[in-house]
């Protein structure tokens, strides 16, 4: 990618991320955004169709810079993996932004992107685990259900005041992920 294009995108992402920390997305104008980024209005429209897509990219970039990514689930683990803790730490550090974008008047683009990412991890994890717990159900249906549950847990955690520590949220997410398997497996005698 052209260095100037990358620099402009990064400036726009950082500007919107900073503005989203200060106020709701609907209160941020394109004029505010381009002024903060130090670019002209046409530059915004050359790179992005709307603020929501820009914010989704900005959140992805912030998570990547923080080293926070959803964990790959290669094998069953007894405790939440470190990557999940890192991922939730990113949410914790940017809780106000995530509360806004995941709240009732939030961003459908950001919510959809997060949900899609979680679904991909679930599909991959189910394939690698070889579990038969969800046998007979379409994998996309299972992934959608689990992703919705995980996102719901994250939203409920972010809404708490005071917000519990990241380790608590990771334990909640982990128990939701593992709970259906434990509840549905046949008892061992």
N, C-alpha and C. Protein backbone atom coordinates (compact mmCIF):
# COMPACT_ATOMS: atom_id res chain seq x y z
N UNK A 1 0.85 -1.18 0.00
CA UNK A 1 0.00 0.00 0.00
C UNK A 1 0.89 1.24 0.00
N UNK A 2 0.48 2.26 -0.71
CA UNK A 2 1.18 3.53 -0.79
C UNK A 2 1.34 4.13 0.62
N UNK A 3 2.53 4.64 0.90
CA UNK A 3 2.83 5.19 2.22
C UNK A 3 1.90 6.36 2.55
N UNK A 4 1.59 7.19 1.58
CA UNK A 4 0.70 8.34 1.83
C UNK A 4 -0.72 7.87 2.15
N UNK A 5 -1.18 6.85 1.47
CA UNK A 5 -2.51 6.29 1.74
C UNK A 5 -2.55 5.73 3.16
N UNK A 6 -1.53 4.98 3.51
CA UNK A 6 -1.46 4.40 4.85
C UNK A 6 -1.40 5.50 5.92
N UNK A 7 -0.61 6.54 5.67
CA UNK A 7 -0.50 7.64 6.63
C UNK A 7 -1.84 8.36 6.82
N UNK A 8 -2.55 8.59 5.70
CA UNK A 8 -3.85 9.26 5.78
C UNK A 8 -4.86 8.40 6.52
N UNK A 9 -4.90 7.12 6.20
CA UNK A 9 -5.83 6.20 6.90
C UNK A 9 -5.53 6.15 8.39
N UNK A 10 -4.24 6.06 8.73
CA UNK A 10 -3.86 6.01 10.14
C UNK A 10 -4.25 7.31 10.85
N UNK A 11 -4.03 8.45 10.20
CA UNK A 11 -4.40 9.74 10.80
C UNK A 11 -5.92 9.82 11.03
N UNK A 12 -6.70 9.36 10.06
CA UNK A 12 -8.16 9.36 10.20
C UNK A 12 -8.59 8.40 11.32
N UNK A 13 -7.99 7.22 11.36
CA UNK A 13 -8.34 6.24 12.39
C UNK A 13 -8.02 6.77 13.78
N UNK A 14 -6.82 7.31 13.94
CA UNK A 14 -6.43 7.83 15.25
C UNK A 14 -7.30 9.01 15.67
N UNK A 15 -7.64 9.87 14.71
CA UNK A 15 -8.49 11.02 15.02
C UNK A 15 -9.88 10.58 15.46
N UNK A 16 -10.49 9.65 14.72
CA UNK A 16 -11.83 9.21 15.10
C UNK A 16 -11.79 8.44 16.41
N UNK A 17 -10.76 7.64 16.61
CA UNK A 17 -10.66 6.90 17.87
C UNK A 17 -10.58 7.87 19.04
N UNK A 18 -9.79 8.91 18.91
CA UNK A 18 -9.67 9.92 19.96
C UNK A 18 -11.01 10.64 20.18
N UNK A 19 -11.67 11.02 19.11
CA UNK A 19 -12.96 11.70 19.22
C UNK A 19 -14.02 10.79 19.83
N UNK A 20 -13.98 9.51 19.47
CA UNK A 20 -14.96 8.55 20.01
C UNK A 20 -14.76 8.33 21.51
N UNK A 21 -13.56 8.58 21.99
CA UNK A 21 -13.31 8.51 23.44
C UNK A 21 -13.93 9.70 24.16
N UNK A 22 -14.10 10.79 23.43
CA UNK A 22 -14.60 12.03 24.02
C UNK A 22 -16.12 12.17 23.98
N UNK A 23 -16.73 11.62 22.92
CA UNK A 23 -18.17 11.81 22.76
C UNK A 23 -18.75 10.73 21.84
N UNK A 24 -20.09 10.60 21.86
CA UNK A 24 -20.74 9.59 21.01
C UNK A 24 -20.45 9.83 19.52
N UNK A 25 -20.42 8.74 18.77
CA UNK A 25 -20.12 8.80 17.34
C UNK A 25 -21.05 9.74 16.59
N UNK A 26 -22.34 9.74 16.96
CA UNK A 26 -23.29 10.61 16.25
C UNK A 26 -23.01 12.09 16.48
N UNK A 27 -22.24 12.42 17.51
CA UNK A 27 -21.89 13.82 17.78
C UNK A 27 -20.59 14.24 17.10
N UNK A 28 -19.92 13.30 16.47
CA UNK A 28 -18.68 13.61 15.76
C UNK A 28 -19.02 13.90 14.30
N UNK A 29 -18.65 15.09 13.85
CA UNK A 29 -18.90 15.45 12.45
C UNK A 29 -17.67 15.13 11.61
N UNK A 30 -17.87 15.06 10.31
CA UNK A 30 -16.76 14.85 9.40
C UNK A 30 -15.79 16.03 9.51
N UNK A 31 -16.33 17.24 9.70
CA UNK A 31 -15.48 18.42 9.88
C UNK A 31 -14.58 18.27 11.11
N UNK A 32 -15.16 17.78 12.23
CA UNK A 32 -14.36 17.53 13.44
C UNK A 32 -13.25 16.52 13.14
N UNK A 33 -13.63 15.49 12.47
CA UNK A 33 -12.73 14.38 12.19
C UNK A 33 -11.55 14.82 11.32
N UNK A 34 -11.84 15.48 10.20
CA UNK A 34 -10.74 15.86 9.30
C UNK A 34 -9.86 16.95 9.92
N UNK A 35 -10.47 17.82 10.74
CA UNK A 35 -9.66 18.82 11.44
C UNK A 35 -8.69 18.14 12.40
N UNK A 36 -9.17 17.17 13.15
CA UNK A 36 -8.32 16.45 14.12
C UNK A 36 -7.24 15.66 13.38
N UNK A 37 -7.60 15.08 12.23
CA UNK A 37 -6.65 14.25 11.47
C UNK A 37 -5.65 15.09 10.67
N UNK A 38 -6.00 16.35 10.44
CA UNK A 38 -5.11 17.20 9.65
C UNK A 38 -5.16 16.89 8.17
N UNK A 39 -6.33 16.44 7.69
CA UNK A 39 -6.52 16.16 6.27
C UNK A 39 -7.75 16.92 5.78
N UNK A 40 -7.94 16.95 4.47
CA UNK A 40 -9.13 17.64 3.97
C UNK A 40 -10.30 16.67 3.85
N UNK A 41 -11.48 17.23 3.70
CA UNK A 41 -12.72 16.45 3.66
C UNK A 41 -12.71 15.42 2.53
N UNK A 42 -12.18 15.79 1.37
CA UNK A 42 -12.17 14.85 0.25
C UNK A 42 -11.28 13.64 0.55
N UNK A 43 -10.24 13.84 1.37
CA UNK A 43 -9.39 12.70 1.75
C UNK A 43 -10.19 11.67 2.54
N UNK A 44 -11.06 12.15 3.42
CA UNK A 44 -11.90 11.22 4.16
C UNK A 44 -12.70 10.36 3.19
N UNK A 45 -13.38 11.00 2.25
CA UNK A 45 -14.26 10.26 1.34
C UNK A 45 -13.49 9.42 0.32
N UNK A 46 -12.23 9.71 0.10
CA UNK A 46 -11.41 8.86 -0.76
C UNK A 46 -11.11 7.53 -0.09
N UNK A 47 -11.11 7.53 1.24
CA UNK A 47 -10.70 6.33 1.98
C UNK A 47 -11.85 5.61 2.67
N UNK A 48 -12.91 6.35 3.02
CA UNK A 48 -14.01 5.75 3.79
C UNK A 48 -15.35 6.26 3.30
N UNK A 49 -16.32 5.38 3.32
CA UNK A 49 -17.68 5.75 2.93
C UNK A 49 -18.45 6.37 4.09
N UNK A 50 -18.05 5.99 5.34
CA UNK A 50 -18.78 6.49 6.50
C UNK A 50 -17.92 6.39 7.75
N UNK A 51 -18.36 7.05 8.82
CA UNK A 51 -17.63 7.06 10.09
C UNK A 51 -17.61 5.69 10.75
N UNK A 52 -18.67 4.91 10.59
CA UNK A 52 -18.74 3.61 11.25
C UNK A 52 -17.67 2.65 10.74
N UNK A 53 -17.46 2.63 9.43
CA UNK A 53 -16.42 1.77 8.87
C UNK A 53 -15.05 2.24 9.32
N UNK A 54 -14.87 3.55 9.34
CA UNK A 54 -13.61 4.10 9.83
C UNK A 54 -13.39 3.71 11.29
N UNK A 55 -14.42 3.81 12.13
CA UNK A 55 -14.28 3.44 13.53
C UNK A 55 -13.98 1.95 13.69
N UNK A 56 -14.62 1.13 12.90
CA UNK A 56 -14.33 -0.32 12.96
C UNK A 56 -12.86 -0.57 12.63
N UNK A 57 -12.35 0.10 11.59
CA UNK A 57 -10.93 -0.03 11.24
C UNK A 57 -10.04 0.52 12.36
N UNK A 58 -10.46 1.63 12.96
CA UNK A 58 -9.67 2.24 14.04
C UNK A 58 -9.59 1.31 15.25
N UNK A 59 -10.70 0.67 15.59
CA UNK A 59 -10.70 -0.26 16.72
C UNK A 59 -9.85 -1.49 16.40
N UNK A 60 -9.94 -1.98 15.16
CA UNK A 60 -9.09 -3.11 14.75
C UNK A 60 -7.61 -2.74 14.88
N UNK A 61 -7.25 -1.54 14.40
CA UNK A 61 -5.86 -1.09 14.46
C UNK A 61 -5.40 -0.92 15.90
N UNK A 62 -6.25 -0.37 16.75
CA UNK A 62 -5.89 -0.19 18.17
C UNK A 62 -5.69 -1.54 18.84
N UNK A 63 -6.56 -2.50 18.54
CA UNK A 63 -6.42 -3.85 19.11
C UNK A 63 -5.13 -4.50 18.62
N UNK A 64 -4.83 -4.32 17.35
CA UNK A 64 -3.61 -4.91 16.79
C UNK A 64 -2.37 -4.29 17.43
N UNK A 65 -2.36 -2.95 17.59
CA UNK A 65 -1.23 -2.29 18.24
C UNK A 65 -1.05 -2.77 19.68
N UNK A 66 -2.16 -3.07 20.33
CA UNK A 66 -2.10 -3.53 21.72
C UNK A 66 -1.75 -5.02 21.81
N UNK A 67 -1.65 -5.68 20.67
CA UNK A 67 -1.37 -7.11 20.66
C UNK A 67 -2.55 -7.94 21.12
N UNK A 68 -3.74 -7.34 21.01
CA UNK A 68 -4.95 -8.01 21.47
C UNK A 68 -5.68 -8.61 20.29
N UNK A 69 -5.80 -9.92 20.29
CA UNK A 69 -6.54 -10.60 19.25
C UNK A 69 -7.28 -11.77 19.89
N UNK A 70 -8.33 -12.17 19.25
CA UNK A 70 -9.06 -13.32 19.77
C UNK A 70 -8.17 -14.56 19.70
N UNK A 71 -8.22 -15.38 20.73
CA UNK A 71 -7.36 -16.57 20.73
C UNK A 71 -7.85 -17.62 19.75
N UNK A 72 -6.90 -18.34 19.19
CA UNK A 72 -7.25 -19.52 18.41
C UNK A 72 -7.45 -20.65 19.40
N UNK A 73 -8.48 -21.42 19.20
CA UNK A 73 -8.79 -22.50 20.13
C UNK A 73 -8.37 -23.83 19.51
N UNK A 74 -7.14 -24.20 19.76
CA UNK A 74 -6.60 -25.43 19.17
C UNK A 74 -6.98 -26.68 19.96
N UNK A 75 -7.09 -26.52 21.25
CA UNK A 75 -7.39 -27.68 22.09
C UNK A 75 -8.14 -27.20 23.33
N UNK A 76 -8.86 -28.08 23.98
CA UNK A 76 -9.56 -27.67 25.20
C UNK A 76 -8.57 -27.21 26.27
N UNK A 77 -8.90 -26.13 26.92
CA UNK A 77 -8.06 -25.58 27.98
C UNK A 77 -8.88 -25.51 29.27
N UNK A 78 -8.20 -25.65 30.39
CA UNK A 78 -8.88 -25.60 31.68
C UNK A 78 -9.19 -24.18 32.11
N UNK A 79 -8.46 -23.21 31.59
CA UNK A 79 -8.64 -21.81 31.99
C UNK A 79 -8.59 -20.92 30.75
N UNK A 80 -9.09 -19.70 30.89
CA UNK A 80 -9.05 -18.79 29.73
C UNK A 80 -7.61 -18.60 29.23
N UNK A 81 -7.40 -18.65 27.93
CA UNK A 81 -6.06 -18.46 27.39
C UNK A 81 -5.60 -17.01 27.55
N UNK A 82 -4.29 -16.82 27.60
CA UNK A 82 -3.69 -15.49 27.75
C UNK A 82 -4.20 -14.53 26.68
N UNK A 83 -4.37 -15.01 25.46
CA UNK A 83 -4.83 -14.15 24.37
C UNK A 83 -6.22 -13.58 24.67
N UNK A 84 -7.08 -14.34 25.33
CA UNK A 84 -8.41 -13.83 25.69
C UNK A 84 -8.27 -12.72 26.72
N UNK A 85 -7.39 -12.90 27.70
CA UNK A 85 -7.15 -11.86 28.69
C UNK A 85 -6.63 -10.58 28.02
N UNK A 86 -5.70 -10.74 27.07
CA UNK A 86 -5.16 -9.57 26.36
C UNK A 86 -6.25 -8.88 25.54
N UNK A 87 -7.09 -9.69 24.91
CA UNK A 87 -8.17 -9.13 24.10
C UNK A 87 -9.15 -8.34 24.97
N UNK A 88 -9.52 -8.90 26.11
CA UNK A 88 -10.44 -8.20 27.01
C UNK A 88 -9.77 -7.00 27.68
N UNK A 89 -8.45 -7.05 27.88
CA UNK A 89 -7.73 -5.89 28.43
C UNK A 89 -7.85 -4.71 27.47
N UNK A 90 -7.81 -4.99 26.16
CA UNK A 90 -8.01 -3.94 25.16
C UNK A 90 -9.41 -3.31 25.32
N UNK A 91 -10.41 -4.15 25.50
CA UNK A 91 -11.77 -3.63 25.73
C UNK A 91 -11.82 -2.79 27.00
N UNK A 92 -11.16 -3.27 28.04
CA UNK A 92 -11.15 -2.57 29.32
C UNK A 92 -10.50 -1.19 29.19
N UNK A 93 -9.37 -1.13 28.51
CA UNK A 93 -8.65 0.13 28.32
C UNK A 93 -9.45 1.12 27.48
N UNK A 94 -10.33 0.62 26.65
CA UNK A 94 -11.14 1.47 25.76
C UNK A 94 -12.63 1.28 26.05
N UNK A 95 -12.94 1.06 27.32
CA UNK A 95 -14.31 0.72 27.72
C UNK A 95 -15.34 1.75 27.29
N UNK A 96 -15.01 3.01 27.42
CA UNK A 96 -15.99 4.05 27.08
C UNK A 96 -16.36 3.99 25.60
N UNK A 97 -15.37 3.81 24.75
CA UNK A 97 -15.63 3.71 23.31
C UNK A 97 -16.48 2.47 23.03
N UNK A 98 -16.10 1.34 23.60
CA UNK A 98 -16.85 0.11 23.35
C UNK A 98 -18.26 0.17 23.93
N UNK A 99 -18.42 0.81 25.08
CA UNK A 99 -19.78 0.98 25.62
C UNK A 99 -20.64 1.74 24.63
N UNK A 100 -20.06 2.78 24.05
CA UNK A 100 -20.83 3.59 23.09
C UNK A 100 -21.15 2.81 21.83
N UNK A 101 -20.16 2.14 21.26
CA UNK A 101 -20.40 1.48 19.97
C UNK A 101 -21.20 0.20 20.10
N UNK A 102 -21.19 -0.42 21.28
CA UNK A 102 -21.97 -1.64 21.46
C UNK A 102 -23.32 -1.38 22.14
N UNK A 103 -23.53 -0.14 22.58
CA UNK A 103 -24.76 0.22 23.27
C UNK A 103 -25.95 0.32 22.34
N UNK A 104 -27.09 0.72 22.87
CA UNK A 104 -28.34 0.76 22.10
C UNK A 104 -28.28 1.69 20.89
N UNK A 105 -27.48 2.72 20.94
CA UNK A 105 -27.36 3.65 19.81
C UNK A 105 -25.99 3.54 19.18
N UNK A 106 -25.43 2.35 19.25
CA UNK A 106 -24.06 2.12 18.81
C UNK A 106 -23.91 1.92 17.32
N UNK A 107 -22.82 1.32 16.97
CA UNK A 107 -22.43 1.13 15.58
C UNK A 107 -22.71 -0.29 15.11
N UNK A 108 -23.60 -0.43 14.15
CA UNK A 108 -23.88 -1.76 13.61
C UNK A 108 -22.66 -2.32 12.87
N UNK A 109 -21.88 -1.43 12.27
CA UNK A 109 -20.69 -1.90 11.54
C UNK A 109 -19.68 -2.51 12.51
N UNK A 110 -19.42 -1.81 13.63
CA UNK A 110 -18.47 -2.32 14.62
C UNK A 110 -19.00 -3.62 15.23
N UNK A 111 -20.26 -3.63 15.62
CA UNK A 111 -20.86 -4.83 16.21
C UNK A 111 -20.77 -6.01 15.23
N UNK A 112 -21.10 -5.79 13.98
CA UNK A 112 -21.05 -6.85 12.97
C UNK A 112 -19.63 -7.35 12.78
N UNK A 113 -18.67 -6.44 12.74
CA UNK A 113 -17.29 -6.87 12.56
C UNK A 113 -16.81 -7.71 13.75
N UNK A 114 -17.12 -7.28 14.96
CA UNK A 114 -16.74 -8.06 16.15
C UNK A 114 -17.40 -9.43 16.13
N UNK A 115 -18.68 -9.44 15.83
CA UNK A 115 -19.42 -10.71 15.80
C UNK A 115 -18.85 -11.66 14.74
N UNK A 116 -18.54 -11.13 13.57
CA UNK A 116 -17.97 -11.93 12.49
C UNK A 116 -16.63 -12.51 12.89
N UNK A 117 -15.81 -11.71 13.57
CA UNK A 117 -14.50 -12.18 14.03
C UNK A 117 -14.66 -13.30 15.05
N UNK A 118 -15.57 -13.12 15.99
CA UNK A 118 -15.80 -14.16 17.01
C UNK A 118 -16.34 -15.43 16.35
N UNK A 119 -17.27 -15.29 15.41
CA UNK A 119 -17.81 -16.45 14.71
C UNK A 119 -16.71 -17.23 14.00
N UNK A 120 -15.77 -16.53 13.37
CA UNK A 120 -14.67 -17.21 12.66
C UNK A 120 -13.81 -18.01 13.63
N UNK A 121 -13.54 -17.45 14.80
CA UNK A 121 -12.75 -18.17 15.81
C UNK A 121 -13.51 -19.41 16.28
N UNK A 122 -14.82 -19.27 16.46
CA UNK A 122 -15.63 -20.40 16.92
C UNK A 122 -15.65 -21.51 15.86
N UNK A 123 -15.88 -21.15 14.61
CA UNK A 123 -15.90 -22.15 13.53
C UNK A 123 -14.57 -22.90 13.49
N UNK A 124 -13.48 -22.14 13.55
CA UNK A 124 -12.16 -22.74 13.53
C UNK A 124 -11.94 -23.63 14.75
N UNK A 125 -12.33 -23.14 15.92
CA UNK A 125 -12.18 -23.91 17.15
C UNK A 125 -12.98 -25.19 17.14
N UNK A 126 -14.21 -25.13 16.63
CA UNK A 126 -15.05 -26.33 16.55
C UNK A 126 -14.43 -27.37 15.62
N UNK A 127 -13.90 -26.89 14.49
CA UNK A 127 -13.28 -27.81 13.53
C UNK A 127 -12.05 -28.48 14.13
N UNK A 128 -11.24 -27.71 14.84
CA UNK A 128 -10.01 -28.25 15.42
C UNK A 128 -10.28 -29.15 16.62
N UNK A 129 -11.34 -28.85 17.36
CA UNK A 129 -11.61 -29.61 18.59
C UNK A 129 -12.17 -31.00 18.32
N UNK A 130 -12.88 -31.14 17.22
CA UNK A 130 -13.50 -32.43 16.91
C UNK A 130 -14.68 -32.76 17.82
N UNK A 131 -15.19 -31.77 18.54
CA UNK A 131 -16.31 -32.01 19.45
C UNK A 131 -17.55 -32.47 18.69
N UNK A 132 -18.33 -33.28 19.37
CA UNK A 132 -19.57 -33.77 18.77
C UNK A 132 -20.77 -33.17 19.50
N UNK A 133 -20.52 -32.24 20.41
CA UNK A 133 -21.58 -31.65 21.22
C UNK A 133 -22.68 -31.03 20.37
N UNK A 134 -22.30 -30.42 19.28
CA UNK A 134 -23.27 -29.72 18.44
C UNK A 134 -23.63 -30.51 17.18
N UNK A 135 -23.39 -31.80 17.22
CA UNK A 135 -23.67 -32.65 16.06
C UNK A 135 -25.12 -32.47 15.61
N UNK A 136 -25.30 -32.34 14.30
CA UNK A 136 -26.63 -32.18 13.74
C UNK A 136 -27.05 -30.72 13.57
N UNK A 137 -26.28 -29.82 14.13
CA UNK A 137 -26.56 -28.38 13.97
C UNK A 137 -25.62 -27.80 12.94
N UNK A 138 -26.11 -26.91 12.09
CA UNK A 138 -25.20 -26.24 11.15
C UNK A 138 -24.15 -25.43 11.91
N UNK A 139 -22.91 -25.53 11.48
CA UNK A 139 -21.82 -24.87 12.19
C UNK A 139 -22.01 -23.35 12.24
N UNK A 140 -22.60 -22.76 11.19
CA UNK A 140 -22.79 -21.31 11.21
C UNK A 140 -23.83 -20.90 12.26
N UNK A 141 -24.80 -21.78 12.51
CA UNK A 141 -25.80 -21.50 13.55
C UNK A 141 -25.15 -21.57 14.93
N UNK A 142 -24.34 -22.58 15.15
CA UNK A 142 -23.63 -22.72 16.42
C UNK A 142 -22.71 -21.52 16.63
N UNK A 143 -21.95 -21.17 15.60
CA UNK A 143 -21.02 -20.03 15.71
C UNK A 143 -21.77 -18.73 16.00
N UNK A 144 -22.91 -18.53 15.35
CA UNK A 144 -23.70 -17.32 15.59
C UNK A 144 -24.20 -17.28 17.04
N UNK A 145 -24.66 -18.41 17.55
CA UNK A 145 -25.15 -18.47 18.92
C UNK A 145 -24.06 -18.20 19.94
N UNK A 146 -22.91 -18.82 19.74
CA UNK A 146 -21.79 -18.62 20.67
C UNK A 146 -21.27 -17.20 20.57
N UNK A 147 -21.13 -16.68 19.35
CA UNK A 147 -20.64 -15.31 19.17
C UNK A 147 -21.58 -14.31 19.84
N UNK A 148 -22.88 -14.52 19.67
CA UNK A 148 -23.85 -13.63 20.31
C UNK A 148 -23.74 -13.68 21.82
N UNK A 149 -23.52 -14.87 22.35
CA UNK A 149 -23.37 -15.02 23.80
C UNK A 149 -22.11 -14.33 24.30
N UNK A 150 -21.00 -14.54 23.60
CA UNK A 150 -19.73 -13.91 24.00
C UNK A 150 -19.86 -12.40 23.95
N UNK A 151 -20.43 -11.88 22.87
CA UNK A 151 -20.60 -10.44 22.75
C UNK A 151 -21.53 -9.92 23.84
N UNK A 152 -22.55 -10.68 24.17
CA UNK A 152 -23.46 -10.30 25.25
C UNK A 152 -22.76 -10.24 26.59
N UNK A 153 -21.88 -11.20 26.87
CA UNK A 153 -21.11 -11.20 28.12
C UNK A 153 -20.20 -9.97 28.17
N UNK A 154 -19.55 -9.67 27.05
CA UNK A 154 -18.65 -8.51 27.01
C UNK A 154 -19.45 -7.23 27.24
N UNK A 155 -20.59 -7.10 26.59
CA UNK A 155 -21.43 -5.91 26.79
C UNK A 155 -21.89 -5.78 28.24
N UNK A 156 -22.34 -6.88 28.84
CA UNK A 156 -22.80 -6.84 30.24
C UNK A 156 -21.65 -6.47 31.17
N UNK A 157 -20.48 -6.99 30.91
CA UNK A 157 -19.30 -6.66 31.72
C UNK A 157 -18.97 -5.18 31.61
N UNK A 158 -18.95 -4.66 30.37
CA UNK A 158 -18.63 -3.24 30.17
C UNK A 158 -19.66 -2.32 30.81
N UNK A 159 -20.90 -2.78 30.92
CA UNK A 159 -21.97 -1.94 31.47
C UNK A 159 -21.95 -1.90 33.00
N UNK A 160 -21.25 -2.82 33.62
CA UNK A 160 -21.24 -2.86 35.09
C UNK A 160 -20.49 -1.66 35.67
N UNK A 161 -21.01 -1.19 36.81
CA UNK A 161 -20.36 -0.08 37.52
C UNK A 161 -20.36 -0.42 39.00
N UNK A 162 -19.24 -0.74 39.56
CA UNK A 162 -17.91 -0.74 38.96
C UNK A 162 -17.72 -1.97 38.07
N UNK A 163 -16.86 -1.80 37.06
CA UNK A 163 -16.59 -2.89 36.12
C UNK A 163 -15.62 -3.88 36.79
N UNK A 164 -15.99 -5.14 36.82
CA UNK A 164 -15.08 -6.15 37.39
C UNK A 164 -13.76 -6.21 36.61
N UNK A 165 -12.74 -6.79 37.21
CA UNK A 165 -11.45 -6.90 36.52
C UNK A 165 -11.52 -7.76 35.27
N UNK A 166 -10.52 -7.59 34.42
CA UNK A 166 -10.43 -8.34 33.17
C UNK A 166 -10.45 -9.85 33.44
N UNK A 167 -9.76 -10.29 34.46
CA UNK A 167 -9.72 -11.73 34.76
C UNK A 167 -11.12 -12.27 35.03
N UNK A 168 -11.96 -11.48 35.67
CA UNK A 168 -13.34 -11.91 35.94
C UNK A 168 -14.12 -12.02 34.63
N UNK A 169 -13.96 -11.01 33.77
CA UNK A 169 -14.65 -11.05 32.47
C UNK A 169 -14.18 -12.24 31.65
N UNK A 170 -12.89 -12.51 31.67
CA UNK A 170 -12.36 -13.66 30.92
C UNK A 170 -12.95 -14.96 31.45
N UNK A 171 -13.08 -15.07 32.76
CA UNK A 171 -13.68 -16.26 33.35
C UNK A 171 -15.14 -16.39 32.92
N UNK A 172 -15.87 -15.27 32.91
CA UNK A 172 -17.27 -15.31 32.46
C UNK A 172 -17.37 -15.76 31.01
N UNK A 173 -16.56 -15.16 30.14
CA UNK A 173 -16.58 -15.54 28.72
C UNK A 173 -16.23 -17.01 28.59
N UNK A 174 -15.21 -17.44 29.29
CA UNK A 174 -14.74 -18.82 29.20
C UNK A 174 -15.82 -19.80 29.64
N UNK A 175 -16.51 -19.47 30.73
CA UNK A 175 -17.58 -20.35 31.23
C UNK A 175 -18.74 -20.41 30.25
N UNK A 176 -19.05 -19.30 29.61
CA UNK A 176 -20.12 -19.30 28.60
C UNK A 176 -19.70 -20.17 27.41
N UNK A 177 -18.43 -20.06 27.02
CA UNK A 177 -17.93 -20.87 25.91
C UNK A 177 -17.95 -22.36 26.23
N UNK A 178 -17.55 -22.71 27.43
CA UNK A 178 -17.46 -24.13 27.81
C UNK A 178 -18.76 -24.70 28.35
N UNK A 179 -19.60 -23.85 28.88
CA UNK A 179 -20.82 -24.29 29.55
C UNK A 179 -21.70 -25.21 28.73
N UNK A 180 -22.03 -24.83 27.49
CA UNK A 180 -22.92 -25.72 26.72
C UNK A 180 -22.34 -27.10 26.52
N UNK A 181 -21.05 -27.20 26.31
CA UNK A 181 -20.45 -28.52 26.12
C UNK A 181 -20.56 -29.38 27.36
N UNK A 182 -20.28 -28.80 28.50
CA UNK A 182 -20.39 -29.56 29.75
C UNK A 182 -21.84 -29.96 30.01
N UNK A 183 -22.77 -29.05 29.74
CA UNK A 183 -24.18 -29.30 30.05
C UNK A 183 -24.80 -30.34 29.11
N UNK A 184 -24.30 -30.43 27.90
CA UNK A 184 -24.92 -31.30 26.91
C UNK A 184 -24.26 -32.67 26.78
N UNK A 185 -23.05 -32.80 27.29
CA UNK A 185 -22.39 -34.10 27.15
C UNK A 185 -23.04 -35.12 28.07
N UNK A 186 -23.06 -36.34 27.62
CA UNK A 186 -23.66 -37.43 28.42
C UNK A 186 -22.85 -37.64 29.69
N UNK A 187 -23.53 -37.90 30.79
CA UNK A 187 -22.81 -38.15 32.04
C UNK A 187 -21.94 -39.39 31.91
N UNK A 188 -20.79 -39.30 32.52
CA UNK A 188 -19.85 -40.45 32.48
C UNK A 188 -20.06 -41.27 33.74
N UNK A 189 -20.12 -42.54 33.58
CA UNK A 189 -20.42 -43.37 34.71
C UNK A 189 -19.30 -44.14 35.15
